[in-house]
Amino acid sequence: MKTWLYFADLLGNKYAFFVAIIGDMLCLFTGMSLAWSSPVLIKLKNGTDDSPLGNPITSEQYDLIGSVFSIGGALGPIVLIFSLELLGRKATMLILATIFPIFHFILAFSTNIYVYYGCRIACGCAVGGSFSIVAVYVSEIVSAKMRGTYLSLGTSFILTGCLLSYSIGPYVSIRIFNLIIAVSSLLYIPLFLLTCPETLYYTMQKHGSEKTAILLRKLRNTSSVDVELEEIEYAVGNEERGSLLDVFRDKAATKAFFICTVLLILQQFCGVNVIMTYTQQIFKDAKVKIASEVCTIIVSGFQTATCLITPIASKRFDRKHMLIFSFIGVSLSNILLGLYFTVDSIKSLNWVALVSLISFVIFYNCGVGPLPWATLGELYPQNVKSVGTATSNTIYWVFQFLLTYYFNKINEGVAFLVFGGLCMMAAVFVQVFLIETRGKTLQEIQRQLKS
């Protein structure tokens, strides 16, 4: 008996929720790895006693360690294109999950700057791949009614992972910090392997309707699955495995690519990953009276505490309205922070930097954070979902590399003012181009894209 069947029988109507949560949990380790640089870079730059590299790192090494992670993030989705179809969604998630413990164990004992670069690229590859695969896995497991909520939970896990890194990293040695990430991510592998099944669409593609029906009955906890089973069978039966060129040959796929990719780029230009990478450094530069590591924990605490805003609100409010509200709020927060760094009369109010970033993360959680990722699992047609999500992700990570590498080379105040202006443009983009997906099946969304 497959072990997931035991858990399906044990949990009954809660099993689909359980699977979605375990699938989203991979994002916990992406968050820990993503925020790793904030506490570690400060120690490496200052050459503290627990720095394994000895001498303080140079400004260029500082920028490279902070940004090469994004090179891996761009490579991960490309590898994913082939893995998703050849090995399946579950096997791909397991492969990505093994990268975190392996390379954080290496980081724990490395004393070479180039090994640091290599490990950060590898971890970035796992994070970039995870951003794609989690959206695909969860969207092919849960019902249309609950899909938006469960997809949004991935961001909640990312933020929780970030909070853990911000809270632990400054107060333990770099070696211990890496070992904590390595051991905790290692424990995830058997949990996912033993309790979660393959997705409905991939099961239909490889094993046909009989096995898919068994899985669907377990996930929905009912024998009345004929309608949904027929929809899945029709979607898989009428698809051909698409290439990148097919994304631009089909009207619906082209629209999906345009909307998903631009949304992710605009999310990047709200400044979130720059903030997550260099949070402690930003607070040091702002000369806030509270210790920079404490400010970082406060901001991350607010971000994590409000991370369920979108999953809860998405049941009642349209995606478009939530995104517009969120982008406008993030824009105003960026502008306030930018003015703090550029206007001398404001600099005496050093609490402005902390308030700006707290309001930033709260507004970010209202839509800008989770919803662009949810569109990946919802908008792309089934035949190009793998290549489409991977391509959008790769472009996203390329922009992240550019932003994180060059951020410290320009004026911080100007950067945040530009971020604020681009967020206003993002709100206009959402109003004009984004289609509403709340409560619609994947097939209904495709029909709307084609119209």
Protein backbone atom coordinates (compact mmCIF):
# COMPACT_ATOMS: atom_id res chain seq x y z
CA MET A 1 0.00 0.00 0.00
CA LYS A 2 1.30 3.45 -0.91
CA THR A 3 1.91 5.41 2.25
CA TRP A 4 -0.04 8.45 1.05
CA LEU A 5 -3.18 6.30 0.86
CA TYR A 6 -2.86 5.62 4.59
CA PHE A 7 -2.74 9.35 5.33
CA ALA A 8 -5.64 9.99 2.93
CA ASP A 9 -7.82 7.51 4.81
CA LEU A 10 -6.67 8.87 8.15
CA LEU A 11 -7.36 12.53 7.35
CA GLY A 12 -10.50 12.15 5.23
CA ASN A 13 -11.85 15.50 4.00
CA LYS A 14 -8.80 17.27 5.43
CA TYR A 15 -6.36 15.38 3.22
CA ALA A 16 -6.30 17.84 0.29
CA PHE A 17 -5.67 20.67 2.77
CA PHE A 18 -2.89 18.62 4.36
CA VAL A 19 -1.22 17.92 1.01
CA ALA A 20 -1.39 21.58 -0.02
CA ILE A 21 0.17 22.63 3.29
CA ILE A 22 2.99 20.08 3.01
CA GLY A 23 3.58 21.12 -0.60
CA ASP A 24 3.67 24.79 0.36
CA MET A 25 6.02 23.97 3.24
CA LEU A 26 8.91 23.66 0.80
CA CYS A 27 8.66 27.45 0.67
CA LEU A 28 9.70 27.59 4.35
CA PHE A 29 13.24 26.60 3.39
CA THR A 30 13.27 28.89 0.38
CA GLY A 31 12.52 31.74 2.80
CA MET A 32 15.28 30.69 5.20
CA SER A 33 17.78 30.48 2.35
CA LEU A 34 16.55 33.71 0.77
CA ALA A 35 17.01 35.71 4.01
CA TRP A 36 20.29 33.96 4.88
CA SER A 37 22.33 36.83 3.45
CA SER A 38 20.93 39.56 5.72
CA PRO A 39 22.54 38.37 8.99
CA VAL A 40 25.49 36.57 7.38
CA LEU A 41 26.72 39.39 5.14
CA ILE A 42 27.00 41.77 8.09
CA LYS A 43 29.26 39.28 9.90
CA LEU A 44 31.37 38.61 6.82
CA LYS A 45 31.71 42.34 6.09
CA ASN A 46 32.76 43.17 9.66
CA GLY A 47 35.08 40.15 9.91
CA THR A 48 33.58 38.97 13.20
CA ASP A 49 35.20 36.18 15.20
CA ASP A 50 32.85 33.51 13.82
CA SER A 51 33.44 34.51 10.18
CA PRO A 52 34.83 31.41 8.45
CA LEU A 53 36.49 33.56 5.77
CA GLY A 54 38.82 35.30 8.20
CA ASN A 55 39.43 38.80 6.87
CA PRO A 56 36.47 41.10 6.20
CA ILE A 57 35.08 40.67 2.70
CA THR A 58 35.39 43.48 0.17
CA SER A 59 32.46 45.54 -1.12
CA GLU A 60 32.53 43.61 -4.39
CA GLN A 61 32.48 40.25 -2.59
CA TYR A 62 29.63 41.57 -0.44
CA ASP A 63 27.59 42.44 -3.53
CA LEU A 64 28.40 39.13 -5.23
CA ILE A 65 27.43 36.93 -2.27
CA GLY A 66 24.20 38.92 -2.00
CA SER A 67 23.38 38.65 -5.71
CA VAL A 68 24.77 35.38 -7.19
CA PHE A 69 21.92 33.62 -5.42
CA SER A 70 19.72 35.10 -8.16
CA ILE A 71 21.83 33.49 -10.90
CA GLY A 72 20.87 30.13 -9.43
CA GLY A 73 17.30 31.36 -9.19
CA ALA A 74 17.34 31.98 -12.95
CA LEU A 75 18.84 28.55 -13.72
CA GLY A 76 16.47 26.53 -11.49
CA PRO A 77 13.30 27.04 -13.55
CA ILE A 78 15.14 26.11 -16.77
CA VAL A 79 16.10 22.70 -15.34
CA LEU A 80 12.53 22.40 -14.12
CA ILE A 81 11.14 22.48 -17.67
CA PHE A 82 12.50 18.99 -18.32
CA SER A 83 12.15 17.56 -14.83
CA LEU A 84 8.45 18.36 -14.46
CA GLU A 85 7.52 16.30 -17.53
CA LEU A 86 10.12 13.53 -17.33
CA LEU A 87 10.09 12.83 -13.59
CA GLY A 88 6.81 14.33 -12.44
CA ARG A 89 5.83 17.02 -9.98
CA LYS A 90 6.48 15.02 -6.81
CA ALA A 91 9.93 13.75 -7.82
CA THR A 92 10.96 17.25 -8.88
CA MET A 93 9.96 18.67 -5.51
CA LEU A 94 11.99 15.98 -3.76
CA ILE A 95 15.07 16.77 -5.86
CA LEU A 96 14.79 20.48 -5.04
CA ALA A 97 14.26 19.69 -1.36
CA THR A 98 17.58 17.79 -1.19
CA ILE A 99 19.59 20.79 -2.42
CA PHE A 100 18.98 22.82 0.75
CA PRO A 101 20.52 20.37 3.26
CA ILE A 102 23.45 19.44 0.99
CA PHE A 103 24.69 22.94 0.27
CA HIS A 104 23.98 24.41 3.70
CA PHE A 105 26.05 21.58 5.17
CA ILE A 106 28.86 22.60 2.80
CA LEU A 107 28.44 26.27 3.77
CA ALA A 108 28.67 25.30 7.43
CA PHE A 109 32.24 24.07 7.02
CA SER A 110 33.57 26.09 4.08
CA THR A 111 36.36 28.66 4.46
CA ASN A 112 36.62 29.63 0.79
CA ILE A 113 34.84 32.62 -0.77
CA TYR A 114 34.40 30.79 -4.08
CA VAL A 115 32.68 27.87 -2.37
CA TYR A 116 30.34 30.46 -0.86
CA TYR A 117 29.55 31.75 -4.36
CA GLY A 118 28.93 28.21 -5.63
CA CYS A 119 26.72 27.19 -2.71
CA ARG A 120 24.65 30.36 -2.96
CA ILE A 121 24.12 29.72 -6.68
CA ALA A 122 23.02 26.15 -5.89
CA CYS A 123 20.63 27.31 -3.17
CA GLY A 124 19.29 29.94 -5.54
CA CYS A 125 18.67 27.19 -8.09
CA ALA A 126 16.57 25.33 -5.51
CA VAL A 127 14.66 28.47 -4.55
CA GLY A 128 13.99 29.46 -8.17
CA GLY A 129 12.79 25.97 -8.97
CA SER A 130 10.65 25.85 -5.84
CA PHE A 131 8.88 29.09 -6.75
CA SER A 132 7.71 27.37 -9.94
CA ILE A 133 7.02 23.83 -8.78
CA VAL A 134 5.01 24.70 -5.68
CA ALA A 135 2.53 26.74 -7.75
CA VAL A 136 2.18 23.89 -10.27
CA TYR A 137 1.91 21.17 -7.62
CA VAL A 138 -0.69 22.88 -5.47
CA SER A 139 -2.81 24.09 -8.43
CA GLU A 140 -3.02 20.49 -9.72
CA ILE A 141 -4.02 19.11 -6.30
CA VAL A 142 -6.71 21.40 -4.86
CA SER A 143 -10.17 22.32 -6.14
CA ALA A 144 -10.84 25.49 -8.12
CA LYS A 145 -12.75 26.98 -5.19
CA MET A 146 -9.78 26.80 -2.81
CA ARG A 147 -6.90 27.09 -5.27
CA GLY A 148 -6.20 30.81 -4.71
CA THR A 149 -6.14 30.41 -0.94
CA TYR A 150 -3.75 27.46 -0.95
CA LEU A 151 -1.46 29.00 -3.56
CA SER A 152 -1.24 32.15 -1.43
CA LEU A 153 -0.11 30.12 1.58
CA GLY A 154 3.23 29.52 -0.15
CA THR A 155 4.16 33.14 0.48
CA SER A 156 3.20 32.72 4.15
CA PHE A 157 5.74 29.92 4.47
CA ILE A 158 8.41 31.98 2.69
CA LEU A 159 7.90 34.83 5.13
CA THR A 160 7.99 32.49 8.11
CA GLY A 161 11.28 31.12 6.82
CA CYS A 162 12.64 34.64 6.49
CA LEU A 163 11.61 35.47 10.06
CA LEU A 164 13.42 32.38 11.32
CA SER A 165 16.62 33.41 9.53
CA TYR A 166 16.39 37.00 10.76
CA SER A 167 15.72 35.83 14.32
CA ILE A 168 18.36 33.08 14.49
CA GLY A 169 21.14 34.26 12.18
CA PRO A 170 22.39 37.29 14.17
CA TYR A 171 22.64 35.37 17.45
CA VAL A 172 24.45 32.15 16.48
CA SER A 173 27.65 31.47 14.60
CA ILE A 174 27.53 31.22 10.81
CA ARG A 175 28.31 27.49 11.08
CA ILE A 176 25.47 26.79 13.52
CA PHE A 177 23.08 28.90 11.43
CA ASN A 178 23.84 26.85 8.31
CA LEU A 179 23.49 23.59 10.22
CA ILE A 180 20.07 24.61 11.52
CA ILE A 181 18.85 25.22 7.96
CA ALA A 182 20.44 21.98 6.75
CA VAL A 183 18.96 19.74 9.42
CA SER A 184 15.46 21.24 9.33
CA SER A 185 15.27 21.02 5.53
CA LEU A 186 16.53 17.43 5.66
CA LEU A 187 13.59 16.44 7.88
CA TYR A 188 11.14 17.74 5.27
CA ILE A 189 12.15 15.14 2.67
CA PRO A 190 10.65 12.00 4.32
CA LEU A 191 7.57 14.00 5.39
CA PHE A 192 6.73 14.96 1.81
CA LEU A 193 7.81 11.62 0.33
CA LEU A 194 5.62 9.51 2.60
CA THR A 195 2.48 11.65 2.92
CA CYS A 196 1.91 13.34 -0.45
CA PRO A 197 0.82 11.88 -3.81
CA GLU A 198 1.59 12.84 -7.39
CA THR A 199 -0.69 15.52 -8.86
CA LEU A 200 -3.99 14.80 -10.60
CA TYR A 201 -2.93 16.10 -14.00
CA TYR A 202 0.40 14.25 -14.09
CA THR A 203 -1.29 11.05 -12.86
CA MET A 204 -3.81 11.34 -15.69
CA GLN A 205 -1.03 12.01 -18.18
CA LYS A 206 1.04 8.98 -17.15
CA HIS A 207 -1.44 6.48 -15.69
CA GLY A 208 -4.86 7.29 -17.14
CA SER A 209 -8.28 7.93 -15.68
CA GLU A 210 -8.56 4.87 -13.43
CA LYS A 211 -5.70 5.80 -11.11
CA THR A 212 -6.60 9.49 -11.37
CA ALA A 213 -10.14 8.69 -10.21
CA ILE A 214 -8.75 6.89 -7.13
CA LEU A 215 -6.56 9.87 -6.29
CA LEU A 216 -9.36 12.35 -6.94
CA ARG A 217 -11.75 10.50 -4.63
CA LYS A 218 -9.16 10.58 -1.87
CA LEU A 219 -8.40 14.27 -2.33
CA ARG A 220 -12.05 15.32 -2.50
CA ASN A 221 -13.23 12.70 0.04
CA THR A 222 -16.21 11.79 -2.14
CA SER A 223 -17.12 9.26 -4.82
CA SER A 224 -18.88 11.93 -6.94
CA VAL A 225 -15.90 13.06 -8.96
CA ASP A 226 -17.08 12.34 -12.51
CA VAL A 227 -17.41 15.98 -13.58
CA GLU A 228 -13.96 17.03 -12.38
CA LEU A 229 -12.43 13.80 -13.68
CA GLU A 230 -13.84 14.49 -17.15
CA GLU A 231 -12.44 18.03 -17.08
CA ILE A 232 -8.98 16.74 -16.17
CA GLU A 233 -9.17 13.97 -18.78
CA TYR A 234 -10.26 16.45 -21.44
CA ALA A 235 -7.52 18.94 -20.52
CA VAL A 236 -4.78 16.29 -20.58
CA GLY A 237 -6.17 14.43 -23.60
CA ASN A 238 -6.31 17.55 -25.74
CA GLU A 239 -2.89 18.83 -24.87
CA GLU A 240 0.41 18.37 -26.58
CA ARG A 241 3.62 19.00 -24.74
CA GLY A 242 4.49 22.55 -25.68
CA SER A 243 7.82 24.24 -26.24
CA LEU A 244 8.80 27.84 -25.58
CA LEU A 245 7.79 28.69 -29.14
CA ASP A 246 4.30 27.33 -28.44
CA VAL A 247 3.92 29.94 -25.72
CA PHE A 248 3.97 32.57 -28.45
CA ARG A 249 1.94 30.63 -31.02
CA ASP A 250 -1.18 30.32 -28.88
CA LYS A 251 -3.21 33.41 -28.00
CA ALA A 252 -4.07 32.26 -24.48
CA ALA A 253 -0.50 31.20 -23.71
CA THR A 254 0.92 34.48 -25.01
CA LYS A 255 -1.50 36.47 -22.86
CA ALA A 256 -0.61 34.32 -19.86
CA PHE A 257 3.11 34.83 -20.46
CA PHE A 258 2.70 38.59 -20.77
CA ILE A 259 0.55 38.97 -17.66
CA CYS A 260 2.52 36.56 -15.44
CA THR A 261 5.96 37.81 -16.44
CA VAL A 262 5.21 41.52 -16.20
CA LEU A 263 3.51 40.99 -12.82
CA LEU A 264 6.59 39.19 -11.48
CA ILE A 265 8.94 41.88 -12.80
CA LEU A 266 6.79 44.59 -11.22
CA GLN A 267 6.78 42.63 -7.96
CA GLN A 268 10.58 42.57 -8.16
CA PHE A 269 10.69 46.33 -8.73
CA CYS A 270 8.66 47.01 -5.61
CA GLY A 271 12.04 46.37 -3.92
CA VAL A 272 11.07 43.40 -1.79
CA ASN A 273 14.08 41.19 -2.52
CA VAL A 274 16.52 44.06 -2.12
CA ILE A 275 14.98 44.68 1.29
CA MET A 276 15.04 41.00 2.25
CA THR A 277 18.68 40.62 1.17
CA TYR A 278 20.05 43.77 2.81
CA THR A 279 17.58 44.48 5.64
CA GLN A 280 20.17 44.85 8.39
CA GLN A 281 22.39 47.00 6.20
CA ILE A 282 19.47 49.30 5.30
CA PHE A 283 18.73 49.88 8.98
CA LYS A 284 22.42 50.54 9.70
CA ASP A 285 22.50 53.13 6.91
CA ALA A 286 19.26 54.68 8.23
CA LYS A 287 20.92 55.14 11.65
CA VAL A 288 17.87 53.93 13.53
CA LYS A 289 18.45 54.01 17.30
CA ILE A 290 17.23 50.45 17.73
CA ALA A 291 19.82 47.77 16.81
CA SER A 292 19.62 46.84 13.12
CA GLU A 293 19.08 43.14 13.83
CA VAL A 294 16.20 43.98 16.18
CA CYS A 295 14.62 46.28 13.57
CA THR A 296 14.92 43.45 11.05
CA ILE A 297 13.13 41.03 13.38
CA ILE A 298 10.39 43.61 14.07
CA VAL A 299 9.74 44.15 10.36
CA SER A 300 9.83 40.43 9.60
CA GLY A 301 7.54 39.79 12.56
CA PHE A 302 4.93 42.17 11.14
CA GLN A 303 5.38 40.59 7.74
CA THR A 304 4.82 37.09 9.08
CA ALA A 305 1.95 38.12 11.38
CA THR A 306 0.06 39.59 8.42
CA CYS A 307 0.96 36.88 5.90
CA LEU A 308 -2.54 35.36 5.99
CA ILE A 309 -4.22 38.55 4.76
CA THR A 310 -4.29 37.39 1.14
CA PRO A 311 -5.32 33.74 1.76
CA ILE A 312 -8.25 34.97 3.88
CA ALA A 313 -9.19 38.00 1.78
CA SER A 314 -8.97 36.09 -1.53
CA LYS A 315 -12.15 34.23 -0.56
CA ARG A 316 -14.09 37.52 -0.55
CA PHE A 317 -12.30 39.99 -2.80
CA ASP A 318 -11.27 39.94 -6.45
CA ARG A 319 -7.59 39.44 -7.26
CA LYS A 320 -7.47 42.69 -9.27
CA HIS A 321 -8.81 44.88 -6.47
CA MET A 322 -6.45 43.31 -3.93
CA LEU A 323 -3.42 43.80 -6.17
CA ILE A 324 -4.25 47.42 -6.99
CA PHE A 325 -4.73 48.27 -3.29
CA SER A 326 -1.51 46.43 -2.41
CA PHE A 327 0.65 48.07 -5.09
CA ILE A 328 -0.56 51.56 -4.12
CA GLY A 329 0.22 50.90 -0.43
CA VAL A 330 3.68 49.52 -1.24
CA SER A 331 4.30 52.54 -3.49
CA LEU A 332 3.53 55.03 -0.71
CA SER A 333 5.77 53.10 1.71
CA ASN A 334 8.66 53.16 -0.76
CA ILE A 335 8.23 56.87 -1.40
CA LEU A 336 8.24 57.63 2.34
CA LEU A 337 11.45 55.61 2.81
CA GLY A 338 13.01 57.27 -0.22
CA LEU A 339 12.22 60.73 1.15
CA TYR A 340 13.76 59.73 4.49
CA PHE A 341 17.09 58.99 2.81
CA THR A 342 17.04 62.07 0.53
CA VAL A 343 15.43 64.91 2.53
CA ASP A 344 17.61 66.20 5.37
CA SER A 345 14.73 67.56 7.45
CA ILE A 346 13.20 64.08 7.70
CA LYS A 347 16.41 62.29 8.73
CA SER A 348 16.05 63.48 12.32
CA LEU A 349 12.86 61.38 12.52
CA ASN A 350 14.74 58.10 12.48
CA TRP A 351 11.62 56.12 13.29
CA VAL A 352 10.39 56.86 9.74
CA ALA A 353 12.62 54.13 8.28
CA LEU A 354 11.18 51.49 10.61
CA VAL A 355 7.57 52.63 10.08
CA SER A 356 8.08 52.73 6.31
CA LEU A 357 9.31 49.15 6.15
CA ILE A 358 6.59 47.91 8.51
CA SER A 359 3.90 49.48 6.32
CA PHE A 360 5.71 48.12 3.24
CA VAL A 361 5.51 44.50 4.40
CA ILE A 362 1.88 44.80 5.51
CA PHE A 363 0.77 46.24 2.17
CA TYR A 364 2.98 43.69 0.38
CA ASN A 365 1.07 40.90 2.10
CA CYS A 366 -2.22 42.32 0.85
CA GLY A 367 -1.54 41.02 -2.64
CA VAL A 368 1.79 42.00 -4.20
CA GLY A 369 3.55 39.11 -2.45
CA PRO A 370 1.43 36.02 -3.09
CA LEU A 371 -0.88 36.85 -5.99
CA PRO A 372 1.67 37.18 -8.84
CA TRP A 373 2.85 33.66 -7.97
CA ALA A 374 -0.71 32.38 -7.87
CA THR A 375 -1.18 33.56 -11.47
CA LEU A 376 1.56 31.14 -12.57
CA GLY A 377 -0.50 28.16 -11.48
CA GLU A 378 -3.74 29.60 -12.86
CA LEU A 379 -3.12 31.35 -16.18
CA TYR A 380 -0.78 29.15 -18.18
CA PRO A 381 -2.43 26.48 -20.39
CA GLN A 382 -1.66 22.94 -19.27
CA ASN A 383 0.50 22.06 -22.29
CA VAL A 384 2.93 24.96 -21.71
CA LYS A 385 2.61 25.29 -17.93
CA SER A 386 6.06 23.84 -17.27
CA VAL A 387 7.94 25.88 -19.84
CA GLY A 388 5.82 28.98 -19.24
CA THR A 389 6.26 29.13 -15.47
CA ALA A 390 9.96 28.36 -15.85
CA THR A 391 10.49 31.14 -18.38
CA SER A 392 8.60 33.71 -16.31
CA ASN A 393 10.60 32.69 -13.25
CA THR A 394 13.92 32.91 -15.04
CA ILE A 395 13.18 36.45 -16.20
CA TYR A 396 12.12 37.36 -12.65
CA TRP A 397 15.41 36.10 -11.21
CA VAL A 398 17.52 37.90 -13.83
CA PHE A 399 15.95 41.17 -12.69
CA GLN A 400 16.55 40.21 -9.07
CA PHE A 401 20.26 39.67 -9.78
CA LEU A 402 20.55 43.09 -11.39
CA LEU A 403 18.74 44.81 -8.53
CA THR A 404 20.61 43.09 -5.69
CA TYR A 405 24.01 43.52 -7.37
CA TYR A 406 23.64 47.21 -8.22
CA PHE A 407 21.55 48.36 -5.24
CA ASN A 408 24.58 49.18 -3.08
CA LYS A 409 26.22 51.06 -5.96
CA ILE A 410 23.49 53.75 -6.19
CA ASN A 411 21.83 56.16 -3.78
CA GLU A 412 19.39 54.31 -1.51
CA GLY A 413 16.89 57.17 -1.39
CA VAL A 414 16.70 57.45 -5.18
CA ALA A 415 16.28 53.66 -5.47
CA PHE A 416 13.27 53.61 -3.13
CA LEU A 417 11.68 56.60 -4.88
CA VAL A 418 12.00 54.78 -8.21
CA PHE A 419 10.49 51.66 -6.65
CA GLY A 420 7.55 53.78 -5.46
CA GLY A 421 6.92 55.20 -8.92
CA LEU A 422 7.06 51.76 -10.56
CA CYS A 423 4.54 50.40 -8.04
CA MET A 424 2.08 53.07 -9.14
CA MET A 425 2.61 51.94 -12.73
CA ALA A 426 2.02 48.36 -11.58
CA ALA A 427 -1.41 49.29 -10.19
CA VAL A 428 -2.35 50.68 -13.62
CA PHE A 429 -1.07 47.51 -15.33
CA VAL A 430 -3.22 45.31 -13.09
CA GLN A 431 -6.33 47.36 -13.82
CA VAL A 432 -5.80 47.22 -17.58
CA PHE A 433 -4.43 43.73 -18.25
CA LEU A 434 -5.09 41.26 -15.43
CA ILE A 435 -8.10 38.97 -15.83
CA GLU A 436 -10.09 37.89 -12.78
CA THR A 437 -9.60 34.21 -11.81
CA ARG A 438 -11.30 33.91 -8.43
CA GLY A 439 -13.54 30.84 -8.27
CA LYS A 440 -12.95 29.80 -11.89
CA THR A 441 -11.72 26.42 -13.08
CA LEU A 442 -8.49 26.23 -15.04
CA GLN A 443 -10.56 25.48 -18.16
CA GLU A 444 -12.76 28.58 -17.64
CA ILE A 445 -9.65 30.73 -17.27
CA GLN A 446 -8.29 29.43 -20.57
CA ARG A 447 -11.54 30.20 -22.35
CA GLN A 448 -11.40 33.74 -21.01
CA LEU A 449 -7.81 34.19 -22.18
CA LYS A 450 -8.72 33.02 -25.66
CA SER A 451 -11.69 35.38 -25.94
